[in-house]
Amino acid sequence: MDEFGTLERRIHIDAAPEVVFGVVSSPEHLREWWPDEADYPVVPGGAGRIRFGDSWVQFTVVDAVPPRRFAFRWTHPEGEPAGPGNSYLVVFDLEPAGSPVGSATLLRMTESGFRERGWDEAKVAAEYAEHTTGWDLFLPRLPGVVARVSS
């Protein structure tokens, strides 16, 4: 794996994968822990957008397999289909954990697409650093949202 190729985080969440899947996939719950606004259908190929502050970015669902995987591409130019050369790919893989099995979830988040954008090394490093900081801020919010949703 190249440096700045894929960002990966793992987080243990004390809730069943079905609950965690809903929080990482539905626009209603996504905006409780990540963007300020989200509007998209939770189906493969579902296109929409998410907002951070005053900036809207494109968002396309790639895969939605409850309660195991939710994947999307984001930041592609409006009017263009999302693909490896124009967007980031984020994948949430959910694995049952805990005792009894399934009472908790091991969530693995990966984000790739930094090198595929055709940027120079400085731009790739800057984008990777910005996304690293972002995910380190937003992912720790997940357990609290999941706890509210599951109670």
N, C-alpha and C. Protein backbone atom coordinates (compact mmCIF):
# COMPACT_ATOMS: atom_id res chain seq x y z
N MET A 1 0.85 -1.18 0.00
CA MET A 1 0.00 0.00 0.00
C MET A 1 0.90 1.25 0.00
N ASP A 2 0.67 2.12 -0.93
CA ASP A 2 1.43 3.37 -1.00
C ASP A 2 1.08 4.28 0.15
N GLU A 3 2.05 5.11 0.53
CA GLU A 3 1.76 6.13 1.52
C GLU A 3 0.68 7.05 0.95
N PHE A 4 -0.28 7.45 1.76
CA PHE A 4 -1.42 8.27 1.38
C PHE A 4 -2.39 7.53 0.46
N GLY A 5 -2.30 6.20 0.40
CA GLY A 5 -3.18 5.44 -0.48
C GLY A 5 -4.55 5.19 0.12
N THR A 6 -4.60 4.67 1.33
CA THR A 6 -5.87 4.35 1.98
C THR A 6 -5.80 4.74 3.45
N LEU A 7 -6.79 5.46 3.88
CA LEU A 7 -6.92 5.83 5.28
C LEU A 7 -7.82 4.77 5.92
N GLU A 8 -7.44 4.26 7.07
CA GLU A 8 -8.24 3.22 7.73
C GLU A 8 -8.37 3.50 9.22
N ARG A 9 -9.58 3.27 9.71
CA ARG A 9 -9.86 3.38 11.14
C ARG A 9 -10.74 2.21 11.55
N ARG A 10 -10.56 1.76 12.79
CA ARG A 10 -11.42 0.72 13.38
C ARG A 10 -11.97 1.26 14.68
N ILE A 11 -13.23 0.92 14.92
CA ILE A 11 -13.86 1.37 16.16
C ILE A 11 -14.82 0.29 16.64
N HIS A 12 -14.79 0.02 17.93
CA HIS A 12 -15.70 -0.94 18.56
C HIS A 12 -16.91 -0.16 19.07
N ILE A 13 -18.09 -0.63 18.75
CA ILE A 13 -19.32 0.05 19.16
C ILE A 13 -20.23 -0.95 19.87
N ASP A 14 -20.72 -0.57 21.03
CA ASP A 14 -21.57 -1.45 21.83
C ASP A 14 -23.01 -1.41 21.37
N ALA A 15 -23.24 -1.96 20.18
CA ALA A 15 -24.60 -2.09 19.64
C ALA A 15 -24.52 -3.10 18.49
N ALA A 16 -25.64 -3.69 18.19
CA ALA A 16 -25.71 -4.69 17.12
C ALA A 16 -25.41 -4.05 15.76
N PRO A 17 -24.85 -4.83 14.83
CA PRO A 17 -24.55 -4.31 13.50
C PRO A 17 -25.75 -3.66 12.80
N GLU A 18 -26.95 -4.16 13.04
CA GLU A 18 -28.14 -3.59 12.40
C GLU A 18 -28.33 -2.13 12.81
N VAL A 19 -28.09 -1.84 14.08
CA VAL A 19 -28.24 -0.47 14.58
C VAL A 19 -27.12 0.42 14.03
N VAL A 20 -25.89 -0.08 14.06
CA VAL A 20 -24.74 0.69 13.57
C VAL A 20 -24.90 0.96 12.08
N PHE A 21 -25.37 -0.03 11.33
CA PHE A 21 -25.57 0.17 9.89
C PHE A 21 -26.52 1.34 9.64
N GLY A 22 -27.60 1.41 10.39
CA GLY A 22 -28.54 2.52 10.22
C GLY A 22 -27.91 3.87 10.48
N VAL A 23 -27.02 3.93 11.46
CA VAL A 23 -26.39 5.20 11.81
C VAL A 23 -25.34 5.62 10.78
N VAL A 24 -24.65 4.67 10.16
CA VAL A 24 -23.64 5.05 9.16
C VAL A 24 -24.21 5.17 7.76
N SER A 25 -25.46 4.75 7.55
CA SER A 25 -26.00 4.76 6.18
C SER A 25 -27.14 5.74 5.95
N SER A 26 -28.01 5.95 6.91
CA SER A 26 -29.18 6.79 6.66
C SER A 26 -28.83 8.27 6.76
N PRO A 27 -29.34 9.08 5.82
CA PRO A 27 -29.06 10.52 5.88
C PRO A 27 -29.45 11.14 7.22
N GLU A 28 -30.58 10.70 7.77
CA GLU A 28 -31.07 11.23 9.04
C GLU A 28 -30.04 11.08 10.15
N HIS A 29 -29.43 9.91 10.25
CA HIS A 29 -28.46 9.66 11.31
C HIS A 29 -27.06 10.13 10.94
N LEU A 30 -26.70 10.05 9.66
CA LEU A 30 -25.38 10.49 9.22
C LEU A 30 -25.12 11.93 9.64
N ARG A 31 -26.12 12.78 9.46
CA ARG A 31 -25.92 14.20 9.78
C ARG A 31 -25.85 14.46 11.29
N GLU A 32 -26.12 13.45 12.10
CA GLU A 32 -25.95 13.61 13.54
C GLU A 32 -24.49 13.50 13.97
N TRP A 33 -23.66 12.89 13.11
CA TRP A 33 -22.26 12.71 13.51
C TRP A 33 -21.25 13.15 12.47
N TRP A 34 -21.65 13.40 11.21
CA TRP A 34 -20.65 13.75 10.20
C TRP A 34 -20.99 15.05 9.47
N PRO A 35 -21.78 15.05 8.38
CA PRO A 35 -22.03 16.32 7.69
C PRO A 35 -23.14 17.11 8.39
N ASP A 36 -23.27 18.37 7.99
CA ASP A 36 -24.34 19.21 8.54
C ASP A 36 -25.69 18.85 7.94
N GLU A 37 -25.69 18.37 6.71
CA GLU A 37 -26.92 17.98 6.02
C GLU A 37 -26.58 16.83 5.08
N ALA A 38 -27.55 15.98 4.82
CA ALA A 38 -27.36 14.84 3.92
C ALA A 38 -28.67 14.53 3.22
N ASP A 39 -28.60 14.29 1.93
CA ASP A 39 -29.78 13.99 1.13
C ASP A 39 -29.40 13.02 0.02
N TYR A 40 -29.78 11.75 0.19
CA TYR A 40 -29.50 10.71 -0.81
C TYR A 40 -30.34 9.48 -0.47
N PRO A 41 -30.66 8.66 -1.49
CA PRO A 41 -31.33 7.39 -1.21
C PRO A 41 -30.31 6.32 -0.84
N VAL A 42 -30.65 5.47 0.12
CA VAL A 42 -29.73 4.43 0.59
C VAL A 42 -29.88 3.17 -0.27
N VAL A 43 -29.53 3.30 -1.54
CA VAL A 43 -29.56 2.19 -2.48
C VAL A 43 -28.34 2.32 -3.39
N PRO A 44 -27.76 1.20 -3.84
CA PRO A 44 -26.62 1.30 -4.75
C PRO A 44 -26.98 2.16 -5.97
N GLY A 45 -26.11 3.10 -6.27
CA GLY A 45 -26.35 4.03 -7.37
C GLY A 45 -27.11 5.27 -6.94
N GLY A 46 -27.62 5.28 -5.70
CA GLY A 46 -28.37 6.42 -5.19
C GLY A 46 -27.48 7.66 -5.13
N ALA A 47 -27.88 8.70 -5.82
CA ALA A 47 -27.09 9.92 -5.88
C ALA A 47 -27.75 11.03 -5.08
N GLY A 48 -26.93 11.83 -4.44
CA GLY A 48 -27.41 12.95 -3.66
C GLY A 48 -26.26 13.85 -3.32
N ARG A 49 -26.35 14.45 -2.14
CA ARG A 49 -25.29 15.36 -1.74
C ARG A 49 -25.28 15.50 -0.22
N ILE A 50 -24.13 15.97 0.28
CA ILE A 50 -23.98 16.26 1.70
C ILE A 50 -23.39 17.66 1.82
N ARG A 51 -23.63 18.28 2.99
CA ARG A 51 -23.17 19.66 3.18
C ARG A 51 -22.34 19.77 4.45
N PHE A 52 -21.22 20.49 4.31
CA PHE A 52 -20.37 20.89 5.44
C PHE A 52 -20.33 22.41 5.41
N GLY A 53 -20.90 23.06 6.41
CA GLY A 53 -20.93 24.51 6.41
C GLY A 53 -21.72 25.02 5.21
N ASP A 54 -21.10 25.85 4.40
CA ASP A 54 -21.76 26.39 3.21
C ASP A 54 -21.48 25.59 1.95
N SER A 55 -20.70 24.52 2.07
CA SER A 55 -20.27 23.76 0.88
C SER A 55 -21.02 22.44 0.74
N TRP A 56 -21.69 22.28 -0.40
CA TRP A 56 -22.33 21.02 -0.75
C TRP A 56 -21.37 20.21 -1.61
N VAL A 57 -21.30 18.89 -1.37
CA VAL A 57 -20.51 18.01 -2.22
C VAL A 57 -21.38 16.83 -2.66
N GLN A 58 -21.06 16.32 -3.83
CA GLN A 58 -21.81 15.20 -4.39
C GLN A 58 -21.53 13.92 -3.60
N PHE A 59 -22.52 13.03 -3.59
CA PHE A 59 -22.47 11.81 -2.78
C PHE A 59 -23.22 10.73 -3.55
N THR A 60 -22.58 9.59 -3.80
CA THR A 60 -23.22 8.49 -4.52
C THR A 60 -23.02 7.18 -3.77
N VAL A 61 -24.10 6.50 -3.45
CA VAL A 61 -24.02 5.21 -2.76
C VAL A 61 -23.49 4.17 -3.75
N VAL A 62 -22.47 3.44 -3.32
CA VAL A 62 -21.87 2.39 -4.14
C VAL A 62 -22.42 1.03 -3.75
N ASP A 63 -22.55 0.80 -2.44
CA ASP A 63 -22.97 -0.50 -1.95
C ASP A 63 -23.75 -0.30 -0.64
N ALA A 64 -24.83 -1.03 -0.48
CA ALA A 64 -25.62 -1.00 0.75
C ALA A 64 -26.10 -2.42 1.01
N VAL A 65 -25.42 -3.11 1.92
CA VAL A 65 -25.74 -4.49 2.25
C VAL A 65 -25.96 -4.58 3.76
N PRO A 66 -27.20 -4.28 4.21
CA PRO A 66 -27.46 -4.33 5.65
C PRO A 66 -27.27 -5.73 6.20
N PRO A 67 -26.72 -5.90 7.37
CA PRO A 67 -26.06 -4.91 8.22
C PRO A 67 -24.54 -4.98 8.10
N ARG A 68 -24.03 -5.36 6.93
CA ARG A 68 -22.60 -5.68 6.78
C ARG A 68 -21.74 -4.59 6.14
N ARG A 69 -22.28 -3.86 5.16
CA ARG A 69 -21.43 -2.92 4.43
C ARG A 69 -22.24 -1.75 3.88
N PHE A 70 -21.64 -0.57 4.01
CA PHE A 70 -22.16 0.63 3.36
C PHE A 70 -20.97 1.35 2.74
N ALA A 71 -21.05 1.61 1.44
CA ALA A 71 -19.95 2.26 0.74
C ALA A 71 -20.50 3.38 -0.14
N PHE A 72 -19.72 4.44 -0.25
CA PHE A 72 -20.13 5.57 -1.07
C PHE A 72 -18.91 6.28 -1.65
N ARG A 73 -19.15 7.01 -2.72
CA ARG A 73 -18.16 7.91 -3.29
C ARG A 73 -18.64 9.32 -3.04
N TRP A 74 -17.68 10.23 -2.82
CA TRP A 74 -18.06 11.61 -2.56
C TRP A 74 -17.04 12.58 -3.12
N THR A 75 -17.48 13.80 -3.32
CA THR A 75 -16.73 14.96 -3.81
C THR A 75 -16.54 14.98 -5.33
N HIS A 76 -17.23 14.13 -6.07
CA HIS A 76 -17.12 14.19 -7.54
C HIS A 76 -17.86 15.43 -8.06
N PRO A 77 -17.45 15.93 -9.23
CA PRO A 77 -18.11 17.12 -9.79
C PRO A 77 -19.58 16.84 -10.10
N GLU A 78 -20.41 17.84 -9.84
CA GLU A 78 -21.83 17.73 -10.13
C GLU A 78 -22.02 17.44 -11.62
N GLY A 79 -22.92 16.50 -11.92
CA GLY A 79 -23.20 16.14 -13.30
C GLY A 79 -22.30 15.06 -13.86
N GLU A 80 -21.28 14.65 -13.11
CA GLU A 80 -20.39 13.57 -13.55
C GLU A 80 -20.65 12.33 -12.70
N PRO A 81 -20.64 11.15 -13.31
CA PRO A 81 -20.76 9.94 -12.49
C PRO A 81 -19.52 9.77 -11.61
N ALA A 82 -19.73 9.31 -10.39
CA ALA A 82 -18.62 9.10 -9.46
C ALA A 82 -17.76 7.94 -9.94
N GLY A 83 -16.45 8.11 -9.86
CA GLY A 83 -15.53 7.06 -10.25
C GLY A 83 -14.19 7.24 -9.59
N PRO A 84 -13.26 6.30 -9.84
CA PRO A 84 -11.96 6.33 -9.18
C PRO A 84 -11.15 7.61 -9.44
N GLY A 85 -11.31 8.26 -10.55
CA GLY A 85 -10.49 9.42 -10.85
C GLY A 85 -11.04 10.75 -10.38
N ASN A 86 -12.28 10.75 -9.86
CA ASN A 86 -12.88 12.04 -9.51
C ASN A 86 -13.54 12.09 -8.13
N SER A 87 -13.33 11.06 -7.30
CA SER A 87 -13.99 11.04 -6.00
C SER A 87 -13.24 10.15 -5.03
N TYR A 88 -13.60 10.28 -3.77
CA TYR A 88 -13.08 9.40 -2.73
C TYR A 88 -14.07 8.26 -2.55
N LEU A 89 -13.56 7.08 -2.19
CA LEU A 89 -14.40 5.93 -1.88
C LEU A 89 -14.29 5.65 -0.38
N VAL A 90 -15.43 5.69 0.31
CA VAL A 90 -15.48 5.38 1.74
C VAL A 90 -16.27 4.09 1.90
N VAL A 91 -15.72 3.15 2.65
CA VAL A 91 -16.37 1.87 2.90
C VAL A 91 -16.44 1.64 4.41
N PHE A 92 -17.65 1.35 4.88
CA PHE A 92 -17.86 0.93 6.26
C PHE A 92 -18.17 -0.56 6.24
N ASP A 93 -17.27 -1.38 6.79
CA ASP A 93 -17.52 -2.81 6.95
C ASP A 93 -17.84 -3.05 8.41
N LEU A 94 -18.95 -3.76 8.66
CA LEU A 94 -19.41 -4.01 10.02
C LEU A 94 -19.36 -5.50 10.30
N GLU A 95 -18.74 -5.85 11.43
CA GLU A 95 -18.58 -7.24 11.82
C GLU A 95 -19.17 -7.45 13.20
N PRO A 96 -20.03 -8.48 13.35
CA PRO A 96 -20.58 -8.75 14.68
C PRO A 96 -19.46 -9.04 15.68
N ALA A 97 -19.60 -8.52 16.87
CA ALA A 97 -18.62 -8.73 17.93
C ALA A 97 -19.37 -8.81 19.25
N GLY A 98 -18.64 -8.91 20.34
CA GLY A 98 -19.27 -8.91 21.66
C GLY A 98 -19.70 -10.28 22.10
N SER A 99 -20.23 -10.32 23.31
CA SER A 99 -20.73 -11.54 23.88
C SER A 99 -22.05 -11.22 24.58
N PRO A 100 -23.16 -11.79 24.13
CA PRO A 100 -23.24 -12.76 23.04
C PRO A 100 -22.86 -12.12 21.70
N VAL A 101 -22.39 -12.98 20.79
CA VAL A 101 -21.96 -12.51 19.48
C VAL A 101 -23.07 -11.70 18.83
N GLY A 102 -22.72 -10.54 18.33
CA GLY A 102 -23.71 -9.69 17.69
C GLY A 102 -24.24 -8.60 18.59
N SER A 103 -23.84 -8.60 19.87
CA SER A 103 -24.30 -7.55 20.77
C SER A 103 -23.46 -6.29 20.63
N ALA A 104 -22.39 -6.39 19.86
CA ALA A 104 -21.52 -5.24 19.58
C ALA A 104 -21.06 -5.35 18.14
N THR A 105 -20.38 -4.30 17.67
CA THR A 105 -19.94 -4.24 16.28
C THR A 105 -18.52 -3.74 16.20
N LEU A 106 -17.72 -4.40 15.38
CA LEU A 106 -16.42 -3.87 15.01
C LEU A 106 -16.61 -3.20 13.66
N LEU A 107 -16.45 -1.89 13.62
CA LEU A 107 -16.62 -1.14 12.39
C LEU A 107 -15.24 -0.80 11.83
N ARG A 108 -15.03 -1.13 10.57
CA ARG A 108 -13.79 -0.78 9.88
C ARG A 108 -14.15 0.21 8.79
N MET A 109 -13.56 1.40 8.85
CA MET A 109 -13.79 2.43 7.84
C MET A 109 -12.52 2.60 7.04
N THR A 110 -12.66 2.56 5.71
CA THR A 110 -11.53 2.88 4.84
C THR A 110 -11.95 3.99 3.89
N GLU A 111 -11.02 4.85 3.58
CA GLU A 111 -11.24 5.87 2.56
C GLU A 111 -10.04 5.83 1.63
N SER A 112 -10.33 5.74 0.34
CA SER A 112 -9.28 5.71 -0.68
C SER A 112 -9.64 6.68 -1.80
N GLY A 113 -8.73 6.83 -2.74
CA GLY A 113 -8.97 7.70 -3.88
C GLY A 113 -8.10 8.94 -3.88
N PHE A 114 -7.16 9.03 -2.98
CA PHE A 114 -6.29 10.20 -2.90
C PHE A 114 -5.34 10.25 -4.09
N ARG A 115 -4.70 9.14 -4.39
CA ARG A 115 -3.73 9.09 -5.48
C ARG A 115 -4.38 9.08 -6.87
N GLU A 116 -5.58 8.55 -6.96
CA GLU A 116 -6.26 8.40 -8.25
C GLU A 116 -6.75 9.72 -8.85
N ARG A 117 -6.70 10.78 -8.08
CA ARG A 117 -7.22 12.08 -8.54
C ARG A 117 -6.28 12.80 -9.50
N GLY A 118 -5.04 12.33 -9.63
CA GLY A 118 -4.10 12.97 -10.55
C GLY A 118 -3.40 14.18 -9.97
N TRP A 119 -3.44 14.32 -8.66
CA TRP A 119 -2.82 15.47 -8.00
C TRP A 119 -1.33 15.25 -7.82
N ASP A 120 -0.59 16.35 -7.63
CA ASP A 120 0.83 16.23 -7.30
C ASP A 120 0.97 15.76 -5.86
N GLU A 121 2.19 15.37 -5.50
CA GLU A 121 2.44 14.77 -4.18
C GLU A 121 2.02 15.69 -3.03
N ALA A 122 2.27 16.98 -3.16
CA ALA A 122 1.92 17.92 -2.09
C ALA A 122 0.41 17.98 -1.89
N LYS A 123 -0.36 17.99 -2.97
CA LYS A 123 -1.82 18.04 -2.88
C LYS A 123 -2.35 16.73 -2.28
N VAL A 124 -1.81 15.59 -2.72
CA VAL A 124 -2.23 14.30 -2.17
C VAL A 124 -1.98 14.27 -0.66
N ALA A 125 -0.79 14.70 -0.24
CA ALA A 125 -0.45 14.70 1.19
C ALA A 125 -1.36 15.63 1.98
N ALA A 126 -1.67 16.80 1.43
CA ALA A 126 -2.53 17.76 2.12
C ALA A 126 -3.95 17.22 2.25
N GLU A 127 -4.50 16.64 1.18
CA GLU A 127 -5.85 16.08 1.23
C GLU A 127 -5.91 14.92 2.22
N TYR A 128 -4.91 14.04 2.19
CA TYR A 128 -4.86 12.90 3.09
C TYR A 128 -4.82 13.39 4.54
N ALA A 129 -4.00 14.39 4.81
CA ALA A 129 -3.90 14.93 6.18
C ALA A 129 -5.23 15.55 6.61
N GLU A 130 -5.89 16.27 5.72
CA GLU A 130 -7.17 16.89 6.05
C GLU A 130 -8.23 15.84 6.36
N HIS A 131 -8.27 14.78 5.57
CA HIS A 131 -9.26 13.71 5.80
C HIS A 131 -8.93 12.92 7.06
N THR A 132 -7.64 12.72 7.34
CA THR A 132 -7.24 12.05 8.57
C THR A 132 -7.75 12.83 9.78
N THR A 133 -7.52 14.13 9.77
CA THR A 133 -8.00 14.99 10.85
C THR A 133 -9.52 14.94 10.96
N GLY A 134 -10.20 14.97 9.82
CA GLY A 134 -11.66 14.93 9.81
C GLY A 134 -12.21 13.64 10.39
N TRP A 135 -11.72 12.50 9.90
CA TRP A 135 -12.23 11.22 10.42
C TRP A 135 -11.90 11.06 11.90
N ASP A 136 -10.73 11.56 12.33
CA ASP A 136 -10.37 11.46 13.75
C ASP A 136 -11.28 12.33 14.62
N LEU A 137 -11.88 13.34 14.04
CA LEU A 137 -12.86 14.17 14.75
C LEU A 137 -14.24 13.54 14.72
N PHE A 138 -14.68 13.08 13.55
CA PHE A 138 -16.07 12.65 13.39
C PHE A 138 -16.34 11.21 13.85
N LEU A 139 -15.46 10.26 13.56
CA LEU A 139 -15.74 8.86 13.93
C LEU A 139 -15.97 8.66 15.43
N PRO A 140 -15.24 9.33 16.32
CA PRO A 140 -15.52 9.14 17.75
C PRO A 140 -16.92 9.59 18.17
N ARG A 141 -17.63 10.33 17.32
CA ARG A 141 -19.01 10.72 17.63
C ARG A 141 -20.00 9.56 17.43
N LEU A 142 -19.60 8.58 16.64
CA LEU A 142 -20.50 7.47 16.31
C LEU A 142 -21.08 6.74 17.52
N PRO A 143 -20.26 6.29 18.48
CA PRO A 143 -20.85 5.54 19.60
C PRO A 143 -21.95 6.29 20.34
N GLY A 144 -21.81 7.60 20.51
CA GLY A 144 -22.83 8.38 21.21
C GLY A 144 -24.14 8.43 20.42
N VAL A 145 -24.04 8.59 19.11
CA VAL A 145 -25.24 8.60 18.27
C VAL A 145 -25.90 7.22 18.29
N VAL A 146 -25.08 6.18 18.16
CA VAL A 146 -25.62 4.82 18.19
C VAL A 146 -26.32 4.56 19.52
N ALA A 147 -25.73 5.00 20.62
CA ALA A 147 -26.35 4.79 21.95
C ALA A 147 -27.71 5.48 22.03
N ARG A 148 -27.81 6.70 21.48
CA ARG A 148 -29.11 7.41 21.50
C ARG A 148 -30.13 6.68 20.63
N VAL A 149 -29.71 6.21 19.47
CA VAL A 149 -30.61 5.55 18.54
C VAL A 149 -31.09 4.21 19.11
N SER A 150 -30.22 3.49 19.79
CA SER A 150 -30.58 2.15 20.27
C SER A 150 -31.30 2.17 21.60
N SER A 151 -31.41 3.32 22.26
CA SER A 151 -32.06 3.33 23.59
C SER A 151 -33.55 3.54 23.46
